[in-house]
Amino acid sequence: MDGIDDENTFLLDELHSDTDISSNYLDYSSDDSCSELSSDEDLSSARIFTEVDVKNPPVPCPRFKFSGIPSVHVQFDDTSDVLQFYETFTDFSLMSKIVEATNKYAKQCIQYRVNFG
């Protein structure tokens, strides 16, 4: 694959990618706990089917308690205008995503008109 021998590198399909990735490759490193399972014998207990009673479901796992205080630390005064709010919350990354989504939608509309118009 273009000189990449790492078994943990995959080629992404650009048509189904919703994220902005600088290259076409996604690199990940496997989790140590997953590498401990080396044979089908280790997975045999996971393949045992157990029926779930939908009228009396098991107790779900406890959720993590939220420990942060959500807030935005930006100071605006009475002379602040709409443009200052816009510039504070809209950065280049967000604008790039908006442009990408808009261009994708426009391309779909144009393609639809060419095929069915």
PDB file of N, CA and C in Angstrom:
ATOM      1  N   MET A   1       0.830  -1.188   0.000  1.00  0.00           N
ATOM      2  CA  MET A   1       0.000   0.000   0.000  1.00  0.00           C
ATOM      3  C   MET A   1       0.869   1.244   0.000  1.00  0.00           C
ATOM      4  N   ASP A   2       1.350   1.695  -1.087  1.00  0.00           N
ATOM      5  CA  ASP A   2       2.120   2.914  -1.212  1.00  0.00           C
ATOM      6  C   ASP A   2       3.254   3.010  -0.205  1.00  0.00           C
ATOM      7  N   GLY A   3       3.943   1.912   0.059  1.00  0.00           N
ATOM      8  CA  GLY A   3       5.083   1.932   0.944  1.00  0.00           C
ATOM      9  C   GLY A   3       4.742   1.907   2.417  1.00  0.00           C
ATOM     10  N   ILE A   4       3.499   1.635   2.772  1.00  0.00           N
ATOM     11  CA  ILE A   4       3.114   1.575   4.182  1.00  0.00           C
ATOM     12  C   ILE A   4       2.955   0.125   4.560  1.00  0.00           C
ATOM     13  N   ASP A   5       3.800  -0.354   5.491  1.00  0.00           N
ATOM     14  CA  ASP A   5       3.765  -1.763   5.878  1.00  0.00           C
ATOM     15  C   ASP A   5       3.079  -1.967   7.221  1.00  0.00           C
ATOM     16  N   ASP A   6       2.735  -0.896   7.913  1.00  0.00           N
ATOM     17  CA  ASP A   6       2.178  -1.018   9.254  1.00  0.00           C
ATOM     18  C   ASP A   6       0.806  -1.673   9.184  1.00  0.00           C
ATOM     19  N   GLU A   7       0.634  -2.758   9.934  1.00  0.00           N
ATOM     20  CA  GLU A   7      -0.647  -3.465   9.902  1.00  0.00           C
ATOM     21  C   GLU A   7      -1.745  -2.683  10.603  1.00  0.00           C
ATOM     22  N   ASN A   8      -1.391  -1.611  11.331  1.00  0.00           N
ATOM     23  CA  ASN A   8      -2.373  -0.798  12.024  1.00  0.00           C
ATOM     24  C   ASN A   8      -2.755   0.448  11.235  1.00  0.00           C
ATOM     25  N   THR A   9      -2.452   0.504   9.949  1.00  0.00           N
ATOM     26  CA  THR A   9      -2.777   1.642   9.111  1.00  0.00           C
ATOM     27  C   THR A   9      -3.779   1.208   8.058  1.00  0.00           C
ATOM     28  N   PHE A  10      -4.847   1.981   7.924  1.00  0.00           N
ATOM     29  CA  PHE A  10      -5.904   1.648   6.983  1.00  0.00           C
ATOM     30  C   PHE A  10      -6.138   2.817   6.044  1.00  0.00           C
ATOM     31  N   LEU A  11      -6.526   2.532   4.819  1.00  0.00           N
ATOM     32  CA  LEU A  11      -6.885   3.549   3.847  1.00  0.00           C
ATOM     33  C   LEU A  11      -8.341   3.894   4.055  1.00  0.00           C
ATOM     34  N   LEU A  12      -8.638   5.184   4.229  1.00  0.00           N
ATOM     35  CA  LEU A  12     -10.015   5.609   4.440  1.00  0.00           C
ATOM     36  C   LEU A  12     -10.708   5.815   3.106  1.00  0.00           C
ATOM     37  N   ASP A  13     -11.971   5.537   3.076  1.00  0.00           N
ATOM     38  CA  ASP A  13     -12.790   5.796   1.910  1.00  0.00           C
ATOM     39  C   ASP A  13     -13.231   7.253   1.971  1.00  0.00           C
ATOM     40  N   GLU A  14     -12.795   8.055   1.013  1.00  0.00           N
ATOM     41  CA  GLU A  14     -13.087   9.481   1.052  1.00  0.00           C
ATOM     42  C   GLU A  14     -14.573   9.773   0.889  1.00  0.00           C
ATOM     43  N   LEU A  15     -15.316   8.897   0.222  1.00  0.00           N
ATOM     44  CA  LEU A  15     -16.734   9.145   0.010  1.00  0.00           C
ATOM     45  C   LEU A  15     -17.535   9.026   1.290  1.00  0.00           C
ATOM     46  N   HIS A  16     -17.085   8.241   2.246  1.00  0.00           N
ATOM     47  CA  HIS A  16     -17.840   8.017   3.465  1.00  0.00           C
ATOM     48  C   HIS A  16     -17.210   8.690   4.673  1.00  0.00           C
ATOM     49  N   SER A  17     -16.228   9.535   4.471  1.00  0.00           N
ATOM     50  CA  SER A  17     -15.540  10.182   5.585  1.00  0.00           C
ATOM     51  C   SER A  17     -16.221  11.501   5.901  1.00  0.00           C
ATOM     52  N   ASP A  18     -16.653  11.679   7.137  1.00  0.00           N
ATOM     53  CA  ASP A  18     -17.289  12.913   7.562  1.00  0.00           C
ATOM     54  C   ASP A  18     -16.327  13.829   8.294  1.00  0.00           C
ATOM     55  N   THR A  19     -15.141  13.361   8.558  1.00  0.00           N
ATOM     56  CA  THR A  19     -14.205  14.162   9.321  1.00  0.00           C
ATOM     57  C   THR A  19     -13.138  14.730   8.415  1.00  0.00           C
ATOM     58  N   ASP A  20     -12.545  15.822   8.851  1.00  0.00           N
ATOM     59  CA  ASP A  20     -11.476  16.452   8.100  1.00  0.00           C
ATOM     60  C   ASP A  20     -10.164  15.815   8.525  1.00  0.00           C
ATOM     61  N   ILE A  21      -9.582  14.994   7.646  1.00  0.00           N
ATOM     62  CA  ILE A  21      -8.339  14.304   7.942  1.00  0.00           C
ATOM     63  C   ILE A  21      -7.314  14.765   6.925  1.00  0.00           C
ATOM     64  N   SER A  22      -6.123  15.108   7.411  1.00  0.00           N
ATOM     65  CA  SER A  22      -5.126  15.688   6.526  1.00  0.00           C
ATOM     66  C   SER A  22      -4.602  14.702   5.501  1.00  0.00           C
ATOM     67  N   SER A  23      -4.675  13.409   5.781  1.00  0.00           N
ATOM     68  CA  SER A  23      -4.238  12.423   4.809  1.00  0.00           C
ATOM     69  C   SER A  23      -5.314  11.371   4.660  1.00  0.00           C
ATOM     70  N   ASN A  24      -5.111  10.436   3.755  1.00  0.00           N
ATOM     71  CA  ASN A  24      -6.082   9.372   3.534  1.00  0.00           C
ATOM     72  C   ASN A  24      -5.844   8.175   4.423  1.00  0.00           C
ATOM     73  N   TYR A  25      -4.956   8.288   5.373  1.00  0.00           N
ATOM     74  CA  TYR A  25      -4.628   7.156   6.220  1.00  0.00           C
ATOM     75  C   TYR A  25      -5.002   7.439   7.666  1.00  0.00           C
ATOM     76  N   LEU A  26      -5.502   6.430   8.321  1.00  0.00           N
ATOM     77  CA  LEU A  26      -5.837   6.522   9.735  1.00  0.00           C
ATOM     78  C   LEU A  26      -4.944   5.556  10.475  1.00  0.00           C
ATOM     79  N   ASP A  27      -4.203   6.057  11.435  1.00  0.00           N
ATOM     80  CA  ASP A  27      -3.283   5.223  12.194  1.00  0.00           C
ATOM     81  C   ASP A  27      -3.836   5.057  13.594  1.00  0.00           C
ATOM     82  N   TYR A  28      -3.843   3.840  14.086  1.00  0.00           N
ATOM     83  CA  TYR A  28      -4.282   3.590  15.451  1.00  0.00           C
ATOM     84  C   TYR A  28      -3.356   2.567  16.055  1.00  0.00           C
ATOM     85  N   SER A  29      -3.336   2.527  17.363  1.00  0.00           N
ATOM     86  CA  SER A  29      -2.571   1.483  18.036  1.00  0.00           C
ATOM     87  C   SER A  29      -3.548   0.638  18.824  1.00  0.00           C
ATOM     88  N   SER A  30      -3.365  -0.667  18.773  1.00  0.00           N
ATOM     89  CA  SER A  30      -4.312  -1.573  19.406  1.00  0.00           C
ATOM     90  C   SER A  30      -4.199  -1.512  20.912  1.00  0.00           C
ATOM     91  N   ASP A  31      -5.293  -1.811  21.566  1.00  0.00           N
ATOM     92  CA  ASP A  31      -5.357  -1.821  23.023  1.00  0.00           C
ATOM     93  C   ASP A  31      -4.696  -3.084  23.544  1.00  0.00           C
ATOM     94  N   ASP A  32      -3.951  -2.964  24.646  1.00  0.00           N
ATOM     95  CA  ASP A  32      -3.252  -4.123  25.204  1.00  0.00           C
ATOM     96  C   ASP A  32      -4.217  -5.210  25.641  1.00  0.00           C
ATOM     97  N   SER A  33      -5.396  -4.843  26.149  1.00  0.00           N
ATOM     98  CA  SER A  33      -6.337  -5.854  26.616  1.00  0.00           C
ATOM     99  C   SER A  33      -6.874  -6.688  25.458  1.00  0.00           C
ATOM    100  N   CYS A  34      -6.985  -6.094  24.270  1.00  0.00           N
ATOM    101  CA  CYS A  34      -7.471  -6.842  23.111  1.00  0.00           C
ATOM    102  C   CYS A  34      -6.413  -7.812  22.596  1.00  0.00           C
ATOM    103  N   SER A  35      -5.153  -7.455  22.736  1.00  0.00           N
ATOM    104  CA  SER A  35      -4.103  -8.314  22.206  1.00  0.00           C
ATOM    105  C   SER A  35      -3.910  -9.564  23.049  1.00  0.00           C
ATOM    106  N   GLU A  36      -4.470  -9.591  24.267  1.00  0.00           N
ATOM    107  CA  GLU A  36      -4.349 -10.772  25.108  1.00  0.00           C
ATOM    108  C   GLU A  36      -5.172 -11.940  24.561  1.00  0.00           C
ATOM    109  N   LEU A  37      -6.253 -11.640  23.843  1.00  0.00           N
ATOM    110  CA  LEU A  37      -7.085 -12.691  23.274  1.00  0.00           C
ATOM    111  C   LEU A  37      -6.422 -13.184  21.998  1.00  0.00           C
ATOM    112  N   SER A  38      -5.911 -14.399  22.038  1.00  0.00           N
ATOM    113  CA  SER A  38      -5.125 -14.846  20.903  1.00  0.00           C
ATOM    114  C   SER A  38      -5.762 -15.988  20.133  1.00  0.00           C
ATOM    115  N   SER A  39      -6.760 -16.647  20.683  1.00  0.00           N
ATOM    116  CA  SER A  39      -7.323 -17.784  19.971  1.00  0.00           C
ATOM    117  C   SER A  39      -8.833 -17.792  20.092  1.00  0.00           C
ATOM    118  N   ASP A  40      -9.466 -18.664  19.305  1.00  0.00           N
ATOM    119  CA  ASP A  40     -10.918 -18.796  19.345  1.00  0.00           C
ATOM    120  C   ASP A  40     -11.399 -19.352  20.676  1.00  0.00           C
ATOM    121  N   GLU A  41     -10.559 -20.107  21.358  1.00  0.00           N
ATOM    122  CA  GLU A  41     -10.949 -20.668  22.648  1.00  0.00           C
ATOM    123  C   GLU A  41     -11.230 -19.566  23.659  1.00  0.00           C
ATOM    124  N   ASP A  42     -10.482 -18.477  23.592  1.00  0.00           N
ATOM    125  CA  ASP A  42     -10.683 -17.373  24.518  1.00  0.00           C
ATOM    126  C   ASP A  42     -12.018 -16.672  24.276  1.00  0.00           C
ATOM    127  N   LEU A  43     -12.535 -16.747  23.057  1.00  0.00           N
ATOM    128  CA  LEU A  43     -13.778 -16.075  22.709  1.00  0.00           C
ATOM    129  C   LEU A  43     -15.007 -16.962  22.857  1.00  0.00           C
ATOM    130  N   SER A  44     -14.833 -18.214  23.211  1.00  0.00           N
ATOM    131  CA  SER A  44     -15.968 -19.134  23.258  1.00  0.00           C
ATOM    132  C   SER A  44     -17.022 -18.690  24.262  1.00  0.00           C
ATOM    133  N   SER A  45     -16.622 -18.126  25.390  1.00  0.00           N
ATOM    134  CA  SER A  45     -17.613 -17.688  26.372  1.00  0.00           C
ATOM    135  C   SER A  45     -18.399 -16.479  25.876  1.00  0.00           C
ATOM    136  N   ALA A  46     -17.810 -15.673  25.007  1.00  0.00           N
ATOM    137  CA  ALA A  46     -18.505 -14.511  24.468  1.00  0.00           C
ATOM    138  C   ALA A  46     -19.536 -14.903  23.426  1.00  0.00           C
ATOM    139  N   ARG A  47     -19.424 -16.074  22.855  1.00  0.00           N
ATOM    140  CA  ARG A  47     -20.344 -16.523  21.814  1.00  0.00           C
ATOM    141  C   ARG A  47     -21.579 -17.228  22.369  1.00  0.00           C
ATOM    142  N   ILE A  48     -21.664 -17.388  23.673  1.00  0.00           N
ATOM    143  CA  ILE A  48     -22.816 -18.050  24.274  1.00  0.00           C
ATOM    144  C   ILE A  48     -23.983 -17.068  24.272  1.00  0.00           C
ATOM    145  N   PHE A  49     -25.093 -17.463  23.644  1.00  0.00           N
ATOM    146  CA  PHE A  49     -26.266 -16.613  23.535  1.00  0.00           C
ATOM    147  C   PHE A  49     -27.078 -16.690  24.817  1.00  0.00           C
ATOM    148  N   THR A  50     -27.432 -15.546  25.351  1.00  0.00           N
ATOM    149  CA  THR A  50     -28.319 -15.505  26.514  1.00  0.00           C
ATOM    150  C   THR A  50     -29.505 -14.622  26.168  1.00  0.00           C
ATOM    151  N   GLU A  51     -30.682 -15.109  26.436  1.00  0.00           N
ATOM    152  CA  GLU A  51     -31.899 -14.377  26.117  1.00  0.00           C
ATOM    153  C   GLU A  51     -32.127 -13.292  27.168  1.00  0.00           C
ATOM    154  N   VAL A  52     -32.575 -12.133  26.711  1.00  0.00           N
ATOM    155  CA  VAL A  52     -32.837 -11.016  27.601  1.00  0.00           C
ATOM    156  C   VAL A  52     -34.344 -10.872  27.759  1.00  0.00           C
ATOM    157  N   ASP A  53     -34.793 -10.789  28.997  1.00  0.00           N
ATOM    158  CA  ASP A  53     -36.209 -10.596  29.277  1.00  0.00           C
ATOM    159  C   ASP A  53     -36.528  -9.113  29.097  1.00  0.00           C
ATOM    160  N   VAL A  54     -37.276  -8.767  28.044  1.00  0.00           N
ATOM    161  CA  VAL A  54     -37.553  -7.363  27.759  1.00  0.00           C
ATOM    162  C   VAL A  54     -38.530  -6.753  28.757  1.00  0.00           C
ATOM    163  N   LYS A  55     -39.320  -7.584  29.427  1.00  0.00           N
ATOM    164  CA  LYS A  55     -40.251  -7.060  30.429  1.00  0.00           C
ATOM    165  C   LYS A  55     -39.545  -6.759  31.746  1.00  0.00           C
ATOM    166  N   ASN A  56     -38.420  -7.397  31.977  1.00  0.00           N
ATOM    167  CA  ASN A  56     -37.642  -7.180  33.189  1.00  0.00           C
ATOM    168  C   ASN A  56     -36.159  -7.089  32.805  1.00  0.00           C
ATOM    169  N   PRO A  57     -35.748  -5.967  32.170  1.00  0.00           N
ATOM    170  CA  PRO A  57     -34.368  -5.867  31.680  1.00  0.00           C
ATOM    171  C   PRO A  57     -33.375  -5.784  32.834  1.00  0.00           C
ATOM    172  N   PRO A  58     -32.127  -6.175  32.573  1.00  0.00           N
ATOM    173  CA  PRO A  58     -31.105  -6.080  33.618  1.00  0.00           C
ATOM    174  C   PRO A  58     -30.799  -4.619  33.938  1.00  0.00           C
ATOM    175  N   VAL A  59     -30.266  -4.386  35.098  1.00  0.00           N
ATOM    176  CA  VAL A  59     -29.910  -3.037  35.526  1.00  0.00           C
ATOM    177  C   VAL A  59     -28.754  -2.537  34.662  1.00  0.00           C
ATOM    178  N   PRO A  60     -28.882  -1.343  34.074  1.00  0.00           N
ATOM    179  CA  PRO A  60     -27.796  -0.837  33.230  1.00  0.00           C
ATOM    180  C   PRO A  60     -26.579  -0.472  34.066  1.00  0.00           C
ATOM    181  N   CYS A  61     -25.447  -0.395  33.400  1.00  0.00           N
ATOM    182  CA  CYS A  61     -24.213   0.013  34.066  1.00  0.00           C
ATOM    183  C   CYS A  61     -24.372   1.448  34.559  1.00  0.00           C
ATOM    184  N   PRO A  62     -23.765   1.787  35.683  1.00  0.00           N
ATOM    185  CA  PRO A  62     -23.885   3.163  36.178  1.00  0.00           C
ATOM    186  C   PRO A  62     -23.164   4.126  35.243  1.00  0.00           C
ATOM    187  N   ARG A  63     -23.742   5.293  35.067  1.00  0.00           N
ATOM    188  CA  ARG A  63     -23.123   6.312  34.229  1.00  0.00           C
ATOM    189  C   ARG A  63     -22.042   7.035  35.017  1.00  0.00           C
ATOM    190  N   PHE A  64     -21.114   7.623  34.282  1.00  0.00           N
ATOM    191  CA  PHE A  64     -20.084   8.412  34.938  1.00  0.00           C
ATOM    192  C   PHE A  64     -20.705   9.709  35.437  1.00  0.00           C
ATOM    193  N   LYS A  65     -20.357  10.090  36.636  1.00  0.00           N
ATOM    194  CA  LYS A  65     -20.861  11.330  37.196  1.00  0.00           C
ATOM    195  C   LYS A  65     -20.118  12.495  36.547  1.00  0.00           C
ATOM    196  N   PHE A  66     -20.872  13.461  36.051  1.00  0.00           N
ATOM    197  CA  PHE A  66     -20.273  14.635  35.431  1.00  0.00           C
ATOM    198  C   PHE A  66     -19.618  15.477  36.510  1.00  0.00           C
ATOM    199  N   SER A  67     -18.355  15.790  36.347  1.00  0.00           N
ATOM    200  CA  SER A  67     -17.631  16.512  37.386  1.00  0.00           C
ATOM    201  C   SER A  67     -17.194  17.911  36.959  1.00  0.00           C
ATOM    202  N   GLY A  68     -17.513  18.313  35.743  1.00  0.00           N
ATOM    203  CA  GLY A  68     -17.108  19.628  35.273  1.00  0.00           C
ATOM    204  C   GLY A  68     -18.234  20.633  35.375  1.00  0.00           C
ATOM    205  N   ILE A  69     -17.897  21.879  35.278  1.00  0.00           N
ATOM    206  CA  ILE A  69     -18.889  22.946  35.286  1.00  0.00           C
ATOM    207  C   ILE A  69     -18.882  23.559  33.890  1.00  0.00           C
ATOM    208  N   PRO A  70     -19.945  23.347  33.108  1.00  0.00           N
ATOM    209  CA  PRO A  70     -19.955  23.876  31.749  1.00  0.00           C
ATOM    210  C   PRO A  70     -20.093  25.401  31.765  1.00  0.00           C
ATOM    211  N   SER A  71     -19.240  26.043  31.026  1.00  0.00           N
ATOM    212  CA  SER A  71     -19.315  27.497  30.928  1.00  0.00           C
ATOM    213  C   SER A  71     -18.408  27.974  29.807  1.00  0.00           C
ATOM    214  N   VAL A  72     -18.649  29.187  29.387  1.00  0.00           N
ATOM    215  CA  VAL A  72     -17.813  29.840  28.393  1.00  0.00           C
ATOM    216  C   VAL A  72     -17.158  31.023  29.084  1.00  0.00           C
ATOM    217  N   HIS A  73     -15.853  31.080  29.022  1.00  0.00           N
ATOM    218  CA  HIS A  73     -15.115  32.138  29.708  1.00  0.00           C
ATOM    219  C   HIS A  73     -14.717  33.222  28.712  1.00  0.00           C
ATOM    220  N   VAL A  74     -15.697  34.023  28.317  1.00  0.00           N
ATOM    221  CA  VAL A  74     -15.478  35.124  27.391  1.00  0.00           C
ATOM    222  C   VAL A  74     -16.148  36.348  27.997  1.00  0.00           C
ATOM    223  N   GLN A  75     -15.460  37.458  27.957  1.00  0.00           N
ATOM    224  CA  GLN A  75     -16.035  38.680  28.525  1.00  0.00           C
ATOM    225  C   GLN A  75     -16.475  39.611  27.407  1.00  0.00           C
ATOM    226  N   PHE A  76     -17.733  39.996  27.460  1.00  0.00           N
ATOM    227  CA  PHE A  76     -18.283  40.973  26.530  1.00  0.00           C
ATOM    228  C   PHE A  76     -18.807  42.146  27.349  1.00  0.00           C
ATOM    229  N   ASP A  77     -18.665  43.327  26.800  1.00  0.00           N
ATOM    230  CA  ASP A  77     -19.210  44.493  27.487  1.00  0.00           C
ATOM    231  C   ASP A  77     -20.408  45.030  26.713  1.00  0.00           C
ATOM    232  N   ASP A  78     -20.927  46.151  27.154  1.00  0.00           N
ATOM    233  CA  ASP A  78     -22.124  46.719  26.528  1.00  0.00           C
ATOM    234  C   ASP A  78     -21.870  47.202  25.108  1.00  0.00           C
ATOM    235  N   THR A  79     -20.614  47.464  24.765  1.00  0.00           N
ATOM    236  CA  THR A  79     -20.308  47.956  23.423  1.00  0.00           C
ATOM    237  C   THR A  79     -20.058  46.819  22.432  1.00  0.00           C
ATOM    238  N   SER A  80     -20.166  45.575  22.890  1.00  0.00           N
ATOM    239  CA  SER A  80     -19.940  44.426  22.005  1.00  0.00           C
ATOM    240  C   SER A  80     -21.034  44.363  20.952  1.00  0.00           C
ATOM    241  N   ASP A  81     -20.627  44.043  19.738  1.00  0.00           N
ATOM    242  CA  ASP A  81     -21.612  43.937  18.664  1.00  0.00           C
ATOM    243  C   ASP A  81     -21.705  42.495  18.180  1.00  0.00           C
ATOM    244  N   VAL A  82     -22.592  42.260  17.240  1.00  0.00           N
ATOM    245  CA  VAL A  82     -22.847  40.916  16.724  1.00  0.00           C
ATOM    246  C   VAL A  82     -21.588  40.327  16.100  1.00  0.00           C
ATOM    247  N   LEU A  83     -20.831  41.131  15.403  1.00  0.00           N
ATOM    248  CA  LEU A  83     -19.614  40.643  14.756  1.00  0.00           C
ATOM    249  C   LEU A  83     -18.597  40.140  15.780  1.00  0.00           C
ATOM    250  N   GLN A  84     -18.513  40.768  16.927  1.00  0.00           N
ATOM    251  CA  GLN A  84     -17.587  40.316  17.967  1.00  0.00           C
ATOM    252  C   GLN A  84     -18.004  38.939  18.497  1.00  0.00           C
ATOM    253  N   PHE A  85     -19.302  38.714  18.681  1.00  0.00           N
ATOM    254  CA  PHE A  85     -19.785  37.392  19.086  1.00  0.00           C
ATOM    255  C   PHE A  85     -19.447  36.360  18.015  1.00  0.00           C
ATOM    256  N   TYR A  86     -19.701  36.717  16.770  1.00  0.00           N
ATOM    257  CA  TYR A  86     -19.429  35.811  15.648  1.00  0.00           C
ATOM    258  C   TYR A  86     -17.950  35.438  15.598  1.00  0.00           C
ATOM    259  N   GLU A  87     -17.076  36.413  15.683  1.00  0.00           N
ATOM    260  CA  GLU A  87     -15.640  36.149  15.613  1.00  0.00           C
ATOM    261  C   GLU A  87     -15.137  35.346  16.806  1.00  0.00           C
ATOM    262  N   THR A  88     -15.796  35.471  17.942  1.00  0.00           N
ATOM    263  CA  THR A  88     -15.384  34.735  19.135  1.00  0.00           C
ATOM    264  C   THR A  88     -15.690  33.253  19.008  1.00  0.00           C
ATOM    265  N   PHE A  89     -16.861  32.919  18.482  1.00  0.00           N
ATOM    266  CA  PHE A  89     -17.300  31.525  18.467  1.00  0.00           C
ATOM    267  C   PHE A  89     -17.093  30.820  17.127  1.00  0.00           C
ATOM    268  N   THR A  90     -16.734  31.541  16.084  1.00  0.00           N
ATOM    269  CA  THR A  90     -16.519  30.939  14.772  1.00  0.00           C
ATOM    270  C   THR A  90     -15.041  31.024  14.433  1.00  0.00           C
ATOM    271  N   ASP A  91     -14.368  29.879  14.446  1.00  0.00           N
ATOM    272  CA  ASP A  91     -12.953  29.855  14.095  1.00  0.00           C
ATOM    273  C   ASP A  91     -12.792  29.273  12.691  1.00  0.00           C
ATOM    274  N   PHE A  92     -11.564  29.174  12.245  1.00  0.00           N
ATOM    275  CA  PHE A  92     -11.295  28.682  10.893  1.00  0.00           C
ATOM    276  C   PHE A  92     -11.766  27.243  10.713  1.00  0.00           C
ATOM    277  N   SER A  93     -11.608  26.425  11.734  1.00  0.00           N
ATOM    278  CA  SER A  93     -12.017  25.022  11.653  1.00  0.00           C
ATOM    279  C   SER A  93     -13.523  24.900  11.436  1.00  0.00           C
ATOM    280  N   LEU A  94     -14.308  25.640  12.206  1.00  0.00           N
ATOM    281  CA  LEU A  94     -15.764  25.603  12.047  1.00  0.00           C
ATOM    282  C   LEU A  94     -16.167  26.132  10.680  1.00  0.00           C
ATOM    283  N   MET A  95     -15.555  27.224  10.260  1.00  0.00           N
ATOM    284  CA  MET A  95     -15.878  27.794   8.954  1.00  0.00           C
ATOM    285  C   MET A  95     -15.528  26.816   7.837  1.00  0.00           C
ATOM    286  N   SER A  96     -14.428  26.096   7.964  1.00  0.00           N
ATOM    287  CA  SER A  96     -14.048  25.102   6.956  1.00  0.00           C
ATOM    288  C   SER A  96     -15.078  23.984   6.870  1.00  0.00           C
ATOM    289  N   LYS A  97     -15.594  23.548   8.013  1.00  0.00           N
ATOM    290  CA  LYS A  97     -16.617  22.498   8.013  1.00  0.00           C
ATOM    291  C   LYS A  97     -17.913  22.986   7.382  1.00  0.00           C
ATOM    292  N   ILE A  98     -18.284  24.231   7.645  1.00  0.00           N
ATOM    293  CA  ILE A  98     -19.487  24.800   7.037  1.00  0.00           C
ATOM    294  C   ILE A  98     -19.324  24.882   5.524  1.00  0.00           C
ATOM    295  N   VAL A  99     -18.167  25.347   5.074  1.00  0.00           N
ATOM    296  CA  VAL A  99     -17.900  25.449   3.634  1.00  0.00           C
ATOM    297  C   VAL A  99     -17.915  24.069   2.988  1.00  0.00           C
ATOM    298  N   GLU A 100     -17.293  23.085   3.644  1.00  0.00           N
ATOM    299  CA  GLU A 100     -17.256  21.724   3.106  1.00  0.00           C
ATOM    300  C   GLU A 100     -18.663  21.142   2.978  1.00  0.00           C
ATOM    301  N   ALA A 101     -19.493  21.321   3.999  1.00  0.00           N
ATOM    302  CA  ALA A 101     -20.860  20.796   3.958  1.00  0.00           C
ATOM    303  C   ALA A 101     -21.689  21.512   2.899  1.00  0.00           C
ATOM    304  N   THR A 102     -21.507  22.817   2.767  1.00  0.00           N
ATOM    305  CA  THR A 102     -22.238  23.587   1.761  1.00  0.00           C
ATOM    306  C   THR A 102     -21.843  23.153   0.359  1.00  0.00           C
ATOM    307  N   ASN A 103     -20.555  22.978   0.125  1.00  0.00           N
ATOM    308  CA  ASN A 103     -20.091  22.537  -1.192  1.00  0.00           C
ATOM    309  C   ASN A 103     -20.569  21.128  -1.513  1.00  0.00           C
ATOM    310  N   LYS A 104     -20.597  20.260  -0.525  1.00  0.00           N
ATOM    311  CA  LYS A 104     -21.089  18.893  -0.725  1.00  0.00           C
ATOM    312  C   LYS A 104     -22.568  18.916  -1.108  1.00  0.00           C
ATOM    313  N   TYR A 105     -23.353  19.747  -0.422  1.00  0.00           N
ATOM    314  CA  TYR A 105     -24.778  19.867  -0.726  1.00  0.00           C
ATOM    315  C   TYR A 105     -24.982  20.438  -2.129  1.00  0.00           C
ATOM    316  N   ALA A 106     -24.210  21.464  -2.484  1.00  0.00           N
ATOM    317  CA  ALA A 106     -24.330  22.060  -3.815  1.00  0.00           C
ATOM    318  C   ALA A 106     -23.986  21.048  -4.898  1.00  0.00           C
ATOM    319  N   LYS A 107     -22.959  20.250  -4.665  1.00  0.00           N
ATOM    320  CA  LYS A 107     -22.571  19.222  -5.634  1.00  0.00           C
ATOM    321  C   LYS A 107     -23.690  18.196  -5.810  1.00  0.00           C
ATOM    322  N   GLN A 108     -24.349  17.814  -4.702  1.00  0.00           N
ATOM    323  CA  GLN A 108     -25.464  16.870  -4.784  1.00  0.00           C
ATOM    324  C   GLN A 108     -26.627  17.467  -5.566  1.00  0.00           C
ATOM    325  N   CYS A 109     -26.926  18.748  -5.339  1.00  0.00           N
ATOM    326  CA  CYS A 109     -28.018  19.407  -6.067  1.00  0.00           C
ATOM    327  C   CYS A 109     -27.715  19.483  -7.556  1.00  0.00           C
ATOM    328  N   ILE A 110     -26.492  19.837  -7.889  1.00  0.00           N
ATOM    329  CA  ILE A 110     -26.104  19.919  -9.300  1.00  0.00           C
ATOM    330  C   ILE A 110     -26.174  18.546  -9.947  1.00  0.00           C
ATOM    331  N   GLN A 111     -25.674  17.527  -9.266  1.00  0.00           N
ATOM    332  CA  GLN A 111     -25.705  16.167  -9.803  1.00  0.00           C
ATOM    333  C   GLN A 111     -27.143  15.694  -9.999  1.00  0.00           C
ATOM    334  N   TYR A 112     -28.031  16.034  -9.071  1.00  0.00           N
ATOM    335  CA  TYR A 112     -29.439  15.643  -9.180  1.00  0.00           C
ATOM    336  C   TYR A 112     -30.072  16.294 -10.406  1.00  0.00           C
ATOM    337  N   ARG A 113     -29.769  17.578 -10.627  1.00  0.00           N
ATOM    338  CA  ARG A 113     -30.334  18.282 -11.785  1.00  0.00           C
ATOM    339  C   ARG A 113     -29.797  17.715 -13.093  1.00  0.00           C
ATOM    340  N   VAL A 114     -28.536  17.300 -13.097  1.00  0.00           N
ATOM    341  CA  VAL A 114     -27.955  16.713 -14.307  1.00  0.00           C
ATOM    342  C   VAL A 114     -28.626  15.381 -14.612  1.00  0.00           C
ATOM    343  N   ASN A 115     -28.850  14.563 -13.578  1.00  0.00           N
ATOM    344  CA  ASN A 115     -29.422  13.236 -13.778  1.00  0.00           C
ATOM    345  C   ASN A 115     -30.927  13.249 -13.996  1.00  0.00           C
ATOM    346  N   PHE A 116     -31.650  14.144 -13.317  1.00  0.00           N
ATOM    347  CA  PHE A 116     -33.106  14.094 -13.354  1.00  0.00           C
ATOM    348  C   PHE A 116     -33.739  15.385 -13.846  1.00  0.00           C
ATOM    349  N   GLY A 117     -32.946  16.341 -14.214  1.00  0.00           N
ATOM    350  CA  GLY A 117     -33.453  17.653 -14.481  1.00  0.00           C
ATOM    351  C   GLY A 117     -33.863  18.000 -15.813  1.00  0.00           C
TER     352      GLY A 117
END
